[in-house]
N, C-alpha and C. Protein backbone atom coordinates (compact mmCIF):
# COMPACT_ATOMS: atom_id res chain seq x y z
N UNK A 1 -15.06 55.26 114.48
CA UNK A 1 -15.66 54.56 113.34
C UNK A 1 -15.20 55.21 112.04
N UNK A 2 -14.82 54.36 111.09
CA UNK A 2 -14.32 54.88 109.82
C UNK A 2 -15.36 55.72 109.10
N UNK A 3 -16.62 55.33 109.19
CA UNK A 3 -17.65 56.06 108.44
C UNK A 3 -17.73 57.51 108.87
N UNK A 4 -17.52 57.77 110.15
CA UNK A 4 -17.59 59.14 110.66
C UNK A 4 -16.37 59.95 110.28
N UNK A 5 -15.25 59.26 110.04
CA UNK A 5 -14.02 59.96 109.67
C UNK A 5 -13.90 60.13 108.16
N UNK A 6 -14.41 59.15 107.40
CA UNK A 6 -14.21 59.15 105.95
C UNK A 6 -15.36 59.80 105.20
N UNK A 7 -16.58 59.59 105.66
CA UNK A 7 -17.74 59.97 104.85
C UNK A 7 -18.75 60.90 105.52
N UNK A 8 -18.31 61.89 106.32
CA UNK A 8 -19.29 62.79 106.94
C UNK A 8 -19.67 63.97 106.05
N UNK A 9 -19.84 63.70 104.76
CA UNK A 9 -20.14 64.77 103.81
C UNK A 9 -21.57 65.27 103.99
N UNK A 10 -21.74 66.57 103.83
CA UNK A 10 -23.05 67.21 103.97
C UNK A 10 -23.46 67.82 102.64
N UNK A 11 -24.77 67.89 102.40
CA UNK A 11 -25.29 68.41 101.14
C UNK A 11 -26.15 69.65 101.38
N UNK A 12 -25.98 70.66 100.54
CA UNK A 12 -26.81 71.84 100.60
C UNK A 12 -28.20 71.48 100.08
N UNK A 13 -29.22 71.83 100.82
CA UNK A 13 -30.58 71.49 100.43
C UNK A 13 -31.12 72.39 99.32
N UNK A 14 -30.38 73.46 99.01
CA UNK A 14 -30.81 74.36 97.94
C UNK A 14 -30.11 74.06 96.62
N UNK A 15 -28.77 74.07 96.63
CA UNK A 15 -28.05 73.90 95.37
C UNK A 15 -27.44 72.52 95.20
N UNK A 16 -27.55 71.66 96.23
CA UNK A 16 -27.10 70.28 96.17
C UNK A 16 -25.57 70.13 96.14
N UNK A 17 -24.86 71.17 96.54
CA UNK A 17 -23.40 71.05 96.61
C UNK A 17 -23.02 70.22 97.82
N UNK A 18 -22.01 69.35 97.64
CA UNK A 18 -21.59 68.43 98.71
C UNK A 18 -20.18 68.78 99.14
N UNK A 19 -19.97 68.86 100.45
CA UNK A 19 -18.63 69.11 100.98
C UNK A 19 -18.55 68.70 102.44
N UNK A 20 -17.45 69.07 103.09
CA UNK A 20 -17.23 68.72 104.49
C UNK A 20 -17.43 69.92 105.41
N UNK A 21 -18.16 70.91 104.95
CA UNK A 21 -18.41 72.12 105.73
C UNK A 21 -19.37 71.80 106.88
N UNK A 22 -18.83 71.65 108.08
CA UNK A 22 -19.66 71.30 109.23
C UNK A 22 -20.64 72.42 109.59
N UNK A 23 -20.35 73.63 109.10
CA UNK A 23 -21.26 74.73 109.38
C UNK A 23 -22.66 74.48 108.85
N UNK A 24 -22.77 73.60 107.85
CA UNK A 24 -24.09 73.30 107.28
C UNK A 24 -25.03 72.70 108.32
N UNK A 25 -24.48 72.20 109.41
CA UNK A 25 -25.33 71.60 110.45
C UNK A 25 -26.07 72.66 111.26
N UNK A 26 -25.63 73.91 111.14
CA UNK A 26 -26.26 74.99 111.91
C UNK A 26 -27.29 75.73 111.07
N UNK A 27 -28.47 75.89 111.62
CA UNK A 27 -29.53 76.63 110.92
C UNK A 27 -29.05 78.07 110.67
N UNK A 28 -29.23 78.53 109.44
CA UNK A 28 -28.83 79.89 109.10
C UNK A 28 -27.44 80.00 108.49
N UNK A 29 -26.69 78.88 108.48
CA UNK A 29 -25.36 78.91 107.87
C UNK A 29 -25.48 79.16 106.37
N UNK A 30 -24.66 80.07 105.84
CA UNK A 30 -24.75 80.45 104.43
C UNK A 30 -23.87 79.54 103.58
N UNK A 31 -24.47 78.90 102.58
CA UNK A 31 -23.73 78.05 101.65
C UNK A 31 -22.82 78.93 100.80
N UNK A 32 -21.57 78.56 100.69
CA UNK A 32 -20.61 79.34 99.92
C UNK A 32 -20.82 79.22 98.41
N UNK A 33 -21.63 78.27 97.99
CA UNK A 33 -21.91 78.08 96.57
C UNK A 33 -23.11 78.88 96.10
N UNK A 34 -24.22 78.79 96.82
CA UNK A 34 -25.46 79.43 96.37
C UNK A 34 -25.89 80.60 97.23
N UNK A 35 -25.22 80.79 98.40
CA UNK A 35 -25.50 81.90 99.32
C UNK A 35 -26.84 81.78 100.03
N UNK A 36 -27.50 80.63 99.95
CA UNK A 36 -28.72 80.41 100.71
C UNK A 36 -28.37 79.95 102.12
N UNK A 37 -29.28 80.22 103.04
CA UNK A 37 -29.08 79.81 104.43
C UNK A 37 -29.50 78.36 104.63
N UNK A 38 -28.75 77.66 105.44
CA UNK A 38 -29.03 76.26 105.71
C UNK A 38 -30.23 76.12 106.65
N UNK A 39 -31.04 75.12 106.38
CA UNK A 39 -32.15 74.80 107.28
C UNK A 39 -31.74 73.73 108.30
N UNK A 40 -30.49 73.28 108.20
CA UNK A 40 -29.99 72.22 109.08
C UNK A 40 -29.19 71.21 108.28
N UNK A 41 -28.32 70.49 108.96
CA UNK A 41 -27.41 69.57 108.28
C UNK A 41 -28.10 68.33 107.73
N UNK A 42 -27.71 67.96 106.51
CA UNK A 42 -28.22 66.73 105.88
C UNK A 42 -27.01 65.95 105.36
N UNK A 43 -26.83 64.73 105.87
CA UNK A 43 -25.75 63.90 105.38
C UNK A 43 -26.01 63.49 103.94
N UNK A 44 -24.95 63.50 103.13
CA UNK A 44 -25.11 63.16 101.72
C UNK A 44 -25.26 61.66 101.52
N UNK A 45 -24.42 60.87 102.18
CA UNK A 45 -24.45 59.43 101.97
C UNK A 45 -25.42 58.77 102.95
N UNK A 46 -26.22 57.83 102.43
CA UNK A 46 -27.23 57.20 103.27
C UNK A 46 -26.61 56.15 104.21
N UNK A 47 -27.43 55.70 105.15
CA UNK A 47 -26.95 54.84 106.24
C UNK A 47 -26.34 53.53 105.74
N UNK A 48 -26.88 52.94 104.68
CA UNK A 48 -26.36 51.66 104.20
C UNK A 48 -24.90 51.79 103.74
N UNK A 49 -24.57 52.92 103.13
CA UNK A 49 -23.20 53.15 102.70
C UNK A 49 -22.29 53.30 103.91
N UNK A 50 -22.76 54.01 104.92
CA UNK A 50 -21.96 54.18 106.13
C UNK A 50 -21.72 52.83 106.82
N UNK A 51 -22.73 51.98 106.81
CA UNK A 51 -22.59 50.65 107.41
C UNK A 51 -21.54 49.83 106.66
N UNK A 52 -21.52 49.93 105.34
CA UNK A 52 -20.52 49.22 104.54
C UNK A 52 -19.10 49.64 104.93
N UNK A 53 -18.91 50.92 105.13
CA UNK A 53 -17.58 51.41 105.55
C UNK A 53 -17.20 50.82 106.89
N UNK A 54 -18.14 50.75 107.80
CA UNK A 54 -17.84 50.19 109.13
C UNK A 54 -17.62 48.68 109.06
N UNK A 55 -18.27 48.00 108.14
CA UNK A 55 -18.00 46.58 107.93
C UNK A 55 -16.58 46.37 107.40
N UNK A 56 -16.14 47.27 106.55
CA UNK A 56 -14.76 47.21 106.07
C UNK A 56 -13.78 47.39 107.24
N UNK A 57 -14.11 48.31 108.12
CA UNK A 57 -13.25 48.53 109.29
C UNK A 57 -13.21 47.29 110.17
N UNK A 58 -14.37 46.69 110.44
CA UNK A 58 -14.41 45.50 111.29
C UNK A 58 -13.63 44.35 110.67
N UNK A 59 -13.74 44.19 109.36
CA UNK A 59 -13.01 43.13 108.67
C UNK A 59 -11.50 43.38 108.75
N UNK A 60 -11.10 44.61 108.55
CA UNK A 60 -9.68 44.97 108.60
C UNK A 60 -9.10 44.70 109.99
N UNK A 61 -9.84 45.09 111.02
CA UNK A 61 -9.35 44.93 112.39
C UNK A 61 -9.38 43.47 112.85
N UNK A 62 -10.15 42.62 112.17
CA UNK A 62 -10.27 41.22 112.57
C UNK A 62 -9.20 40.33 111.94
N UNK A 63 -8.38 40.88 111.07
CA UNK A 63 -7.36 40.07 110.41
C UNK A 63 -6.33 39.56 111.42
N UNK A 64 -5.92 38.30 111.28
CA UNK A 64 -4.88 37.77 112.18
C UNK A 64 -3.57 38.52 111.97
N UNK A 65 -2.84 38.73 113.04
CA UNK A 65 -1.59 39.48 112.95
C UNK A 65 -0.52 38.72 112.19
N UNK A 66 -0.45 37.42 112.42
CA UNK A 66 0.58 36.60 111.78
C UNK A 66 -0.08 35.41 111.09
N UNK A 67 0.19 35.30 109.80
CA UNK A 67 -0.31 34.16 109.05
C UNK A 67 0.56 33.98 107.82
N UNK A 68 0.66 32.78 107.28
CA UNK A 68 1.44 32.56 106.07
C UNK A 68 0.92 33.43 104.92
N UNK A 69 1.82 34.04 104.17
CA UNK A 69 1.42 34.95 103.12
C UNK A 69 0.60 34.25 102.04
N UNK A 70 0.82 32.93 101.88
CA UNK A 70 0.08 32.21 100.84
C UNK A 70 -1.28 31.74 101.32
N UNK A 71 -1.60 31.97 102.58
CA UNK A 71 -2.86 31.51 103.15
C UNK A 71 -4.01 32.45 102.76
N UNK A 72 -5.17 31.86 102.45
CA UNK A 72 -6.36 32.67 102.18
C UNK A 72 -6.98 33.07 103.51
N UNK A 73 -7.06 34.36 103.76
CA UNK A 73 -7.57 34.88 105.02
C UNK A 73 -9.01 35.38 104.81
N UNK A 74 -9.97 34.82 105.55
CA UNK A 74 -11.37 35.23 105.36
C UNK A 74 -11.59 36.73 105.43
N UNK A 75 -10.87 37.40 106.33
CA UNK A 75 -11.05 38.85 106.48
C UNK A 75 -10.65 39.59 105.20
N UNK A 76 -9.62 39.10 104.51
CA UNK A 76 -9.21 39.74 103.26
C UNK A 76 -10.27 39.55 102.17
N UNK A 77 -10.88 38.37 102.17
CA UNK A 77 -11.98 38.11 101.23
C UNK A 77 -13.13 39.08 101.51
N UNK A 78 -13.45 39.23 102.79
CA UNK A 78 -14.54 40.14 103.17
C UNK A 78 -14.23 41.57 102.76
N UNK A 79 -13.00 42.00 102.96
CA UNK A 79 -12.60 43.36 102.58
C UNK A 79 -12.81 43.59 101.09
N UNK A 80 -12.38 42.63 100.28
CA UNK A 80 -12.53 42.76 98.83
C UNK A 80 -14.01 42.84 98.45
N UNK A 81 -14.83 41.95 99.00
CA UNK A 81 -16.25 41.93 98.66
C UNK A 81 -16.95 43.21 99.11
N UNK A 82 -16.64 43.66 100.31
CA UNK A 82 -17.25 44.90 100.81
C UNK A 82 -16.80 46.11 100.00
N UNK A 83 -15.53 46.13 99.61
CA UNK A 83 -15.00 47.26 98.85
C UNK A 83 -15.68 47.35 97.48
N UNK A 84 -15.80 46.23 96.80
CA UNK A 84 -16.45 46.23 95.49
C UNK A 84 -17.93 46.58 95.62
N UNK A 85 -18.57 46.11 96.68
CA UNK A 85 -19.97 46.47 96.93
C UNK A 85 -20.10 47.96 97.21
N UNK A 86 -19.15 48.51 97.95
CA UNK A 86 -19.16 49.95 98.24
C UNK A 86 -19.08 50.76 96.95
N UNK A 87 -18.19 50.36 96.05
CA UNK A 87 -18.07 51.07 94.78
C UNK A 87 -19.41 51.08 94.04
N UNK A 88 -20.06 49.93 93.98
CA UNK A 88 -21.32 49.84 93.23
C UNK A 88 -22.44 50.60 93.94
N UNK A 89 -22.42 50.59 95.28
CA UNK A 89 -23.43 51.32 96.04
C UNK A 89 -23.26 52.83 95.84
N UNK A 90 -22.01 53.30 95.84
CA UNK A 90 -21.75 54.71 95.61
C UNK A 90 -22.17 55.13 94.20
N UNK A 91 -21.93 54.24 93.25
CA UNK A 91 -22.30 54.54 91.87
C UNK A 91 -23.82 54.66 91.74
N UNK A 92 -24.55 53.73 92.33
CA UNK A 92 -26.02 53.80 92.24
C UNK A 92 -26.55 55.01 93.00
N UNK A 93 -25.94 55.34 94.11
CA UNK A 93 -26.33 56.54 94.85
C UNK A 93 -26.16 57.79 93.97
N UNK A 94 -25.04 57.85 93.27
CA UNK A 94 -24.80 58.96 92.35
C UNK A 94 -25.89 59.01 91.27
N UNK A 95 -26.21 57.85 90.69
CA UNK A 95 -27.23 57.81 89.65
C UNK A 95 -28.58 58.32 90.17
N UNK A 96 -28.95 57.91 91.36
CA UNK A 96 -30.24 58.34 91.92
C UNK A 96 -30.26 59.85 92.18
N UNK A 97 -29.12 60.39 92.62
CA UNK A 97 -29.04 61.84 92.80
C UNK A 97 -29.15 62.55 91.46
N UNK A 98 -28.55 61.96 90.44
CA UNK A 98 -28.61 62.53 89.10
C UNK A 98 -30.04 62.49 88.55
N UNK A 99 -30.72 61.37 88.78
CA UNK A 99 -32.12 61.26 88.37
C UNK A 99 -32.94 62.43 88.92
N UNK A 100 -32.74 62.70 90.21
CA UNK A 100 -33.50 63.75 90.87
C UNK A 100 -33.17 65.12 90.28
N UNK A 101 -31.88 65.36 90.04
CA UNK A 101 -31.48 66.66 89.49
C UNK A 101 -32.02 66.87 88.08
N UNK A 102 -32.23 65.79 87.36
CA UNK A 102 -32.77 65.87 86.00
C UNK A 102 -34.29 65.85 85.98
N UNK A 103 -34.89 65.79 87.18
CA UNK A 103 -36.37 65.80 87.33
C UNK A 103 -37.02 64.63 86.61
N UNK A 104 -36.37 63.46 86.66
CA UNK A 104 -36.96 62.28 86.06
C UNK A 104 -38.05 61.73 86.96
N UNK A 105 -39.12 61.28 86.38
CA UNK A 105 -40.23 60.74 87.16
C UNK A 105 -39.81 59.44 87.85
N UNK A 106 -40.51 59.08 88.90
CA UNK A 106 -40.22 57.84 89.63
C UNK A 106 -40.35 56.63 88.71
N UNK A 107 -41.37 56.65 87.87
CA UNK A 107 -41.59 55.51 86.98
C UNK A 107 -40.45 55.38 85.98
N UNK A 108 -39.95 56.49 85.48
CA UNK A 108 -38.84 56.44 84.53
C UNK A 108 -37.56 55.99 85.24
N UNK A 109 -37.33 56.49 86.46
CA UNK A 109 -36.16 56.06 87.22
C UNK A 109 -36.18 54.54 87.42
N UNK A 110 -37.34 54.02 87.80
CA UNK A 110 -37.48 52.59 88.03
C UNK A 110 -37.22 51.80 86.76
N UNK A 111 -37.71 52.30 85.64
CA UNK A 111 -37.51 51.61 84.36
C UNK A 111 -36.03 51.61 83.97
N UNK A 112 -35.36 52.74 84.14
CA UNK A 112 -33.95 52.84 83.78
C UNK A 112 -33.11 51.86 84.59
N UNK A 113 -33.40 51.77 85.88
CA UNK A 113 -32.64 50.84 86.72
C UNK A 113 -33.01 49.39 86.42
N UNK A 114 -34.28 49.16 86.07
CA UNK A 114 -34.71 47.80 85.73
C UNK A 114 -34.07 47.34 84.42
N UNK A 115 -33.93 48.26 83.48
CA UNK A 115 -33.33 47.93 82.18
C UNK A 115 -31.81 47.81 82.25
N UNK A 116 -31.23 48.31 83.34
CA UNK A 116 -29.77 48.29 83.51
C UNK A 116 -29.43 47.75 84.90
N UNK A 117 -29.77 46.48 85.11
CA UNK A 117 -29.60 45.89 86.43
C UNK A 117 -28.14 45.64 86.80
N UNK A 118 -27.34 45.26 85.83
CA UNK A 118 -25.95 44.91 86.10
C UNK A 118 -25.08 46.15 86.15
N UNK A 119 -24.01 46.07 86.92
CA UNK A 119 -23.15 47.24 87.09
C UNK A 119 -22.57 47.71 85.76
N UNK A 120 -22.11 46.77 84.93
CA UNK A 120 -21.48 47.18 83.69
C UNK A 120 -22.50 47.83 82.74
N UNK A 121 -23.78 47.46 82.87
CA UNK A 121 -24.81 48.12 82.07
C UNK A 121 -25.00 49.56 82.54
N UNK A 122 -25.01 49.74 83.85
CA UNK A 122 -25.13 51.10 84.39
C UNK A 122 -23.95 51.95 83.97
N UNK A 123 -22.75 51.37 84.02
CA UNK A 123 -21.53 52.11 83.72
C UNK A 123 -21.38 52.42 82.23
N UNK A 124 -21.65 51.41 81.39
CA UNK A 124 -21.38 51.55 79.97
C UNK A 124 -22.55 52.15 79.18
N UNK A 125 -23.77 51.97 79.66
CA UNK A 125 -24.94 52.43 78.90
C UNK A 125 -25.68 53.58 79.59
N UNK A 126 -26.13 53.34 80.83
CA UNK A 126 -26.97 54.33 81.50
C UNK A 126 -26.19 55.59 81.85
N UNK A 127 -25.03 55.43 82.43
CA UNK A 127 -24.21 56.56 82.87
C UNK A 127 -23.93 57.54 81.73
N UNK A 128 -23.36 57.11 80.61
CA UNK A 128 -23.09 58.06 79.53
C UNK A 128 -24.35 58.64 78.89
N UNK A 129 -25.44 57.88 78.91
CA UNK A 129 -26.69 58.41 78.34
C UNK A 129 -27.21 59.58 79.17
N UNK A 130 -26.97 59.54 80.47
CA UNK A 130 -27.47 60.58 81.36
C UNK A 130 -26.60 61.83 81.35
N UNK A 131 -25.27 61.64 81.30
CA UNK A 131 -24.38 62.80 81.46
C UNK A 131 -23.69 63.20 80.16
N UNK A 132 -23.88 62.40 79.10
CA UNK A 132 -23.26 62.67 77.80
C UNK A 132 -21.74 62.64 77.87
N UNK A 133 -21.20 61.89 78.80
CA UNK A 133 -19.76 61.62 78.92
C UNK A 133 -19.59 60.15 79.25
N UNK A 134 -18.51 59.52 78.77
CA UNK A 134 -18.22 58.17 79.22
C UNK A 134 -17.46 58.25 80.54
N UNK A 135 -17.18 57.09 81.13
CA UNK A 135 -16.56 57.04 82.46
C UNK A 135 -15.19 57.72 82.47
N UNK A 136 -14.38 57.47 81.44
CA UNK A 136 -13.03 58.04 81.41
C UNK A 136 -13.08 59.57 81.35
N UNK A 137 -14.02 60.11 80.60
CA UNK A 137 -14.16 61.57 80.53
C UNK A 137 -14.66 62.12 81.86
N UNK A 138 -15.57 61.40 82.49
CA UNK A 138 -16.08 61.83 83.79
C UNK A 138 -14.95 61.86 84.82
N UNK A 139 -14.03 60.90 84.75
CA UNK A 139 -12.89 60.89 85.66
C UNK A 139 -12.02 62.12 85.46
N UNK A 140 -11.80 62.47 84.21
CA UNK A 140 -11.01 63.67 83.90
C UNK A 140 -11.70 64.91 84.47
N UNK A 141 -13.00 65.01 84.30
CA UNK A 141 -13.74 66.15 84.82
C UNK A 141 -13.70 66.21 86.34
N UNK A 142 -13.84 65.04 86.97
CA UNK A 142 -13.77 64.99 88.44
C UNK A 142 -12.38 65.39 88.93
N UNK A 143 -11.35 64.92 88.22
CA UNK A 143 -9.97 65.26 88.58
C UNK A 143 -9.73 66.75 88.47
N UNK A 144 -10.24 67.36 87.40
CA UNK A 144 -10.06 68.79 87.20
C UNK A 144 -10.77 69.61 88.27
N UNK A 145 -11.92 69.10 88.72
CA UNK A 145 -12.71 69.83 89.71
C UNK A 145 -12.02 69.89 91.07
N UNK A 146 -11.44 68.76 91.49
CA UNK A 146 -10.86 68.74 92.84
C UNK A 146 -9.33 68.66 92.84
N UNK A 147 -8.71 68.70 91.67
CA UNK A 147 -7.25 68.71 91.60
C UNK A 147 -6.60 67.43 92.05
N UNK A 148 -7.25 66.32 91.81
CA UNK A 148 -6.73 65.01 92.22
C UNK A 148 -6.84 64.03 91.06
N UNK A 149 -5.76 63.32 90.79
CA UNK A 149 -5.74 62.35 89.70
C UNK A 149 -6.38 61.04 90.17
N UNK A 150 -7.45 60.63 89.49
CA UNK A 150 -8.16 59.42 89.88
C UNK A 150 -7.80 58.20 89.02
N UNK A 151 -6.78 58.32 88.18
CA UNK A 151 -6.44 57.21 87.29
C UNK A 151 -5.96 55.99 88.06
N UNK A 152 -5.18 56.19 89.11
CA UNK A 152 -4.70 55.06 89.91
C UNK A 152 -5.86 54.39 90.64
N UNK A 153 -6.76 55.19 91.17
CA UNK A 153 -7.94 54.64 91.83
C UNK A 153 -8.77 53.82 90.85
N UNK A 154 -8.92 54.31 89.64
CA UNK A 154 -9.69 53.59 88.62
C UNK A 154 -9.05 52.24 88.33
N UNK A 155 -7.73 52.18 88.30
CA UNK A 155 -7.04 50.91 88.08
C UNK A 155 -7.31 49.94 89.24
N UNK A 156 -7.34 50.47 90.45
CA UNK A 156 -7.66 49.64 91.63
C UNK A 156 -9.08 49.10 91.52
N UNK A 157 -10.01 49.94 91.13
CA UNK A 157 -11.41 49.52 90.99
C UNK A 157 -11.55 48.41 89.96
N UNK A 158 -10.83 48.54 88.85
CA UNK A 158 -10.90 47.53 87.79
C UNK A 158 -10.28 46.21 88.23
N UNK A 159 -9.09 46.26 88.80
CA UNK A 159 -8.39 45.03 89.19
C UNK A 159 -9.10 44.33 90.34
N UNK A 160 -9.62 45.08 91.30
CA UNK A 160 -10.31 44.46 92.43
C UNK A 160 -11.60 43.78 91.96
N UNK A 161 -12.30 44.39 91.01
CA UNK A 161 -13.51 43.78 90.47
C UNK A 161 -13.20 42.49 89.73
N UNK A 162 -12.08 42.46 89.02
CA UNK A 162 -11.69 41.25 88.30
C UNK A 162 -11.41 40.10 89.27
N UNK A 163 -10.71 40.39 90.35
CA UNK A 163 -10.42 39.36 91.35
C UNK A 163 -11.71 38.93 92.05
N UNK A 164 -12.56 39.90 92.38
CA UNK A 164 -13.85 39.59 93.00
C UNK A 164 -14.67 38.66 92.13
N UNK A 165 -14.70 38.92 90.82
CA UNK A 165 -15.50 38.11 89.91
C UNK A 165 -14.96 36.68 89.81
N UNK A 166 -13.64 36.54 89.82
CA UNK A 166 -13.05 35.19 89.80
C UNK A 166 -13.47 34.41 91.04
N UNK A 167 -13.52 35.10 92.16
CA UNK A 167 -13.92 34.45 93.41
C UNK A 167 -15.40 34.06 93.36
N UNK A 168 -16.24 34.97 92.90
CA UNK A 168 -17.68 34.71 92.88
C UNK A 168 -18.06 33.60 91.91
N UNK A 169 -17.39 33.56 90.76
CA UNK A 169 -17.80 32.62 89.71
C UNK A 169 -17.01 31.31 89.71
N UNK A 170 -15.78 31.37 90.21
CA UNK A 170 -14.94 30.17 90.18
C UNK A 170 -14.42 29.75 91.54
N UNK A 171 -14.85 30.45 92.59
CA UNK A 171 -14.37 30.18 93.95
C UNK A 171 -12.86 30.28 94.05
N UNK A 172 -12.25 31.11 93.21
CA UNK A 172 -10.80 31.29 93.22
C UNK A 172 -10.43 32.43 94.15
N UNK A 173 -9.88 32.07 95.30
CA UNK A 173 -9.57 33.08 96.32
C UNK A 173 -8.08 33.35 96.45
N UNK A 174 -7.26 32.67 95.67
CA UNK A 174 -5.82 32.75 95.87
C UNK A 174 -5.24 34.12 95.54
N UNK A 175 -5.92 34.89 94.72
CA UNK A 175 -5.43 36.23 94.39
C UNK A 175 -5.85 37.28 95.41
N UNK A 176 -6.67 36.88 96.38
CA UNK A 176 -7.14 37.84 97.38
C UNK A 176 -6.09 37.89 98.49
N UNK A 177 -5.06 38.63 98.25
CA UNK A 177 -3.91 38.72 99.15
C UNK A 177 -4.09 39.83 100.17
N UNK A 178 -3.19 39.83 101.15
CA UNK A 178 -3.18 40.92 102.13
C UNK A 178 -2.87 42.24 101.45
N UNK A 179 -1.99 42.19 100.44
CA UNK A 179 -1.65 43.40 99.71
C UNK A 179 -2.86 43.99 98.98
N UNK A 180 -3.66 43.12 98.37
CA UNK A 180 -4.86 43.59 97.68
C UNK A 180 -5.85 44.17 98.68
N UNK A 181 -6.03 43.50 99.80
CA UNK A 181 -6.94 44.00 100.83
C UNK A 181 -6.47 45.36 101.35
N UNK A 182 -5.15 45.49 101.56
CA UNK A 182 -4.61 46.77 102.02
C UNK A 182 -4.86 47.87 100.99
N UNK A 183 -4.70 47.53 99.72
CA UNK A 183 -4.94 48.51 98.66
C UNK A 183 -6.39 48.96 98.65
N UNK A 184 -7.30 48.01 98.84
CA UNK A 184 -8.72 48.35 98.91
C UNK A 184 -8.99 49.31 100.07
N UNK A 185 -8.46 48.98 101.22
CA UNK A 185 -8.66 49.82 102.41
C UNK A 185 -8.08 51.22 102.18
N UNK A 186 -6.88 51.27 101.62
CA UNK A 186 -6.22 52.55 101.38
C UNK A 186 -6.96 53.40 100.35
N UNK A 187 -7.83 52.77 99.56
CA UNK A 187 -8.55 53.47 98.49
C UNK A 187 -9.93 53.97 98.90
N UNK A 188 -10.38 53.61 100.09
CA UNK A 188 -11.76 53.95 100.49
C UNK A 188 -11.98 55.46 100.50
N UNK A 189 -11.10 56.20 101.14
CA UNK A 189 -11.30 57.65 101.25
C UNK A 189 -11.32 58.31 99.87
N UNK A 190 -10.40 57.91 98.99
CA UNK A 190 -10.37 58.48 97.64
C UNK A 190 -11.61 58.11 96.84
N UNK A 191 -12.19 56.95 97.13
CA UNK A 191 -13.41 56.54 96.45
C UNK A 191 -14.54 57.52 96.78
N UNK A 192 -14.62 57.93 98.03
CA UNK A 192 -15.63 58.92 98.42
C UNK A 192 -15.34 60.27 97.79
N UNK A 193 -14.06 60.66 97.77
CA UNK A 193 -13.69 61.94 97.14
C UNK A 193 -14.11 61.94 95.67
N UNK A 194 -13.90 60.81 94.98
CA UNK A 194 -14.28 60.70 93.57
C UNK A 194 -15.77 60.91 93.38
N UNK A 195 -16.59 60.22 94.16
CA UNK A 195 -18.03 60.32 93.93
C UNK A 195 -18.60 61.66 94.38
N UNK A 196 -17.96 62.30 95.34
CA UNK A 196 -18.36 63.66 95.68
C UNK A 196 -18.03 64.61 94.53
N UNK A 197 -16.86 64.43 93.93
CA UNK A 197 -16.47 65.27 92.80
C UNK A 197 -17.41 65.05 91.60
N UNK A 198 -17.76 63.79 91.34
CA UNK A 198 -18.72 63.50 90.27
C UNK A 198 -20.06 64.17 90.55
N UNK A 199 -20.50 64.09 91.78
CA UNK A 199 -21.77 64.71 92.16
C UNK A 199 -21.71 66.22 91.92
N UNK A 200 -20.65 66.86 92.40
CA UNK A 200 -20.56 68.31 92.28
C UNK A 200 -20.41 68.77 90.83
N UNK A 201 -19.78 67.94 90.03
CA UNK A 201 -19.62 68.32 88.62
C UNK A 201 -20.92 68.14 87.83
N UNK A 202 -21.62 67.05 88.07
CA UNK A 202 -22.80 66.73 87.24
C UNK A 202 -24.13 67.04 87.93
N UNK A 203 -24.26 66.71 89.19
CA UNK A 203 -25.55 66.90 89.87
C UNK A 203 -25.71 68.34 90.34
N UNK A 204 -24.73 68.87 91.03
CA UNK A 204 -24.80 70.27 91.49
C UNK A 204 -24.99 71.22 90.31
N UNK A 205 -24.35 70.91 89.20
CA UNK A 205 -24.47 71.75 88.01
C UNK A 205 -25.93 71.86 87.56
N UNK A 206 -26.65 70.72 87.59
CA UNK A 206 -28.06 70.74 87.18
C UNK A 206 -28.91 71.52 88.17
N UNK A 207 -28.65 71.33 89.45
CA UNK A 207 -29.41 72.05 90.47
C UNK A 207 -29.11 73.54 90.40
N UNK A 208 -27.84 73.89 90.15
CA UNK A 208 -27.46 75.30 90.10
C UNK A 208 -28.17 76.01 88.95
N UNK A 209 -28.40 75.29 87.86
CA UNK A 209 -29.11 75.88 86.73
C UNK A 209 -30.59 76.15 87.07
N UNK A 210 -31.14 75.26 87.90
CA UNK A 210 -32.58 75.35 88.19
C UNK A 210 -32.91 76.25 89.38
N UNK A 211 -31.94 76.42 90.32
CA UNK A 211 -32.22 77.17 91.53
C UNK A 211 -31.79 78.63 91.39
N UNK A 212 -32.63 79.56 91.85
CA UNK A 212 -32.24 80.98 91.80
C UNK A 212 -31.14 81.27 92.80
N UNK A 213 -30.15 82.02 92.37
CA UNK A 213 -29.07 82.42 93.27
C UNK A 213 -29.44 83.77 93.91
N UNK A 214 -28.98 83.99 95.13
CA UNK A 214 -29.28 85.24 95.85
C UNK A 214 -28.01 86.00 96.12
């Protein structure tokens, strides 16, 4: 299953650092960031996100082997829709983790999400208000943290959303090509790397300030 290969990230329950250290699953394992002992493994990404990744896998594997290149293939449409949904789900997951690290009350969290229901509102208004950086600056910070350039991924996210919106609002599916679907699939792993880097730069930083180091 793709979800088990792509997204088995674990989170430290003390400092909130996220990585692929399987040792976190063992009680007593020492976190390399905060030096606290693990109480047991906790997956960072929730089950709905993992299900989305597996839906992408099922759609990819269901594509017909041979079909005219100009033909609209339902599986490619599904891949695009699931990929764009995955991006938005990861973004909201990041926001909720950030809310917690900032010790925002439940009522305030609910109000912020209610006032920013649309993705572009979350991205353009809520996100920079919380972290005091816009999206492009956050990408630079994430890139610096993990040594990976996310500019190409960001271009994929933008172009895929544009095609998705044309399909949703105008039923225009002709741009949903096999090449676009392949690009979406090839970008899944990097999408997770990006949001883990964002978490570690912004969320872990807040937790590290609040938690005593040993």
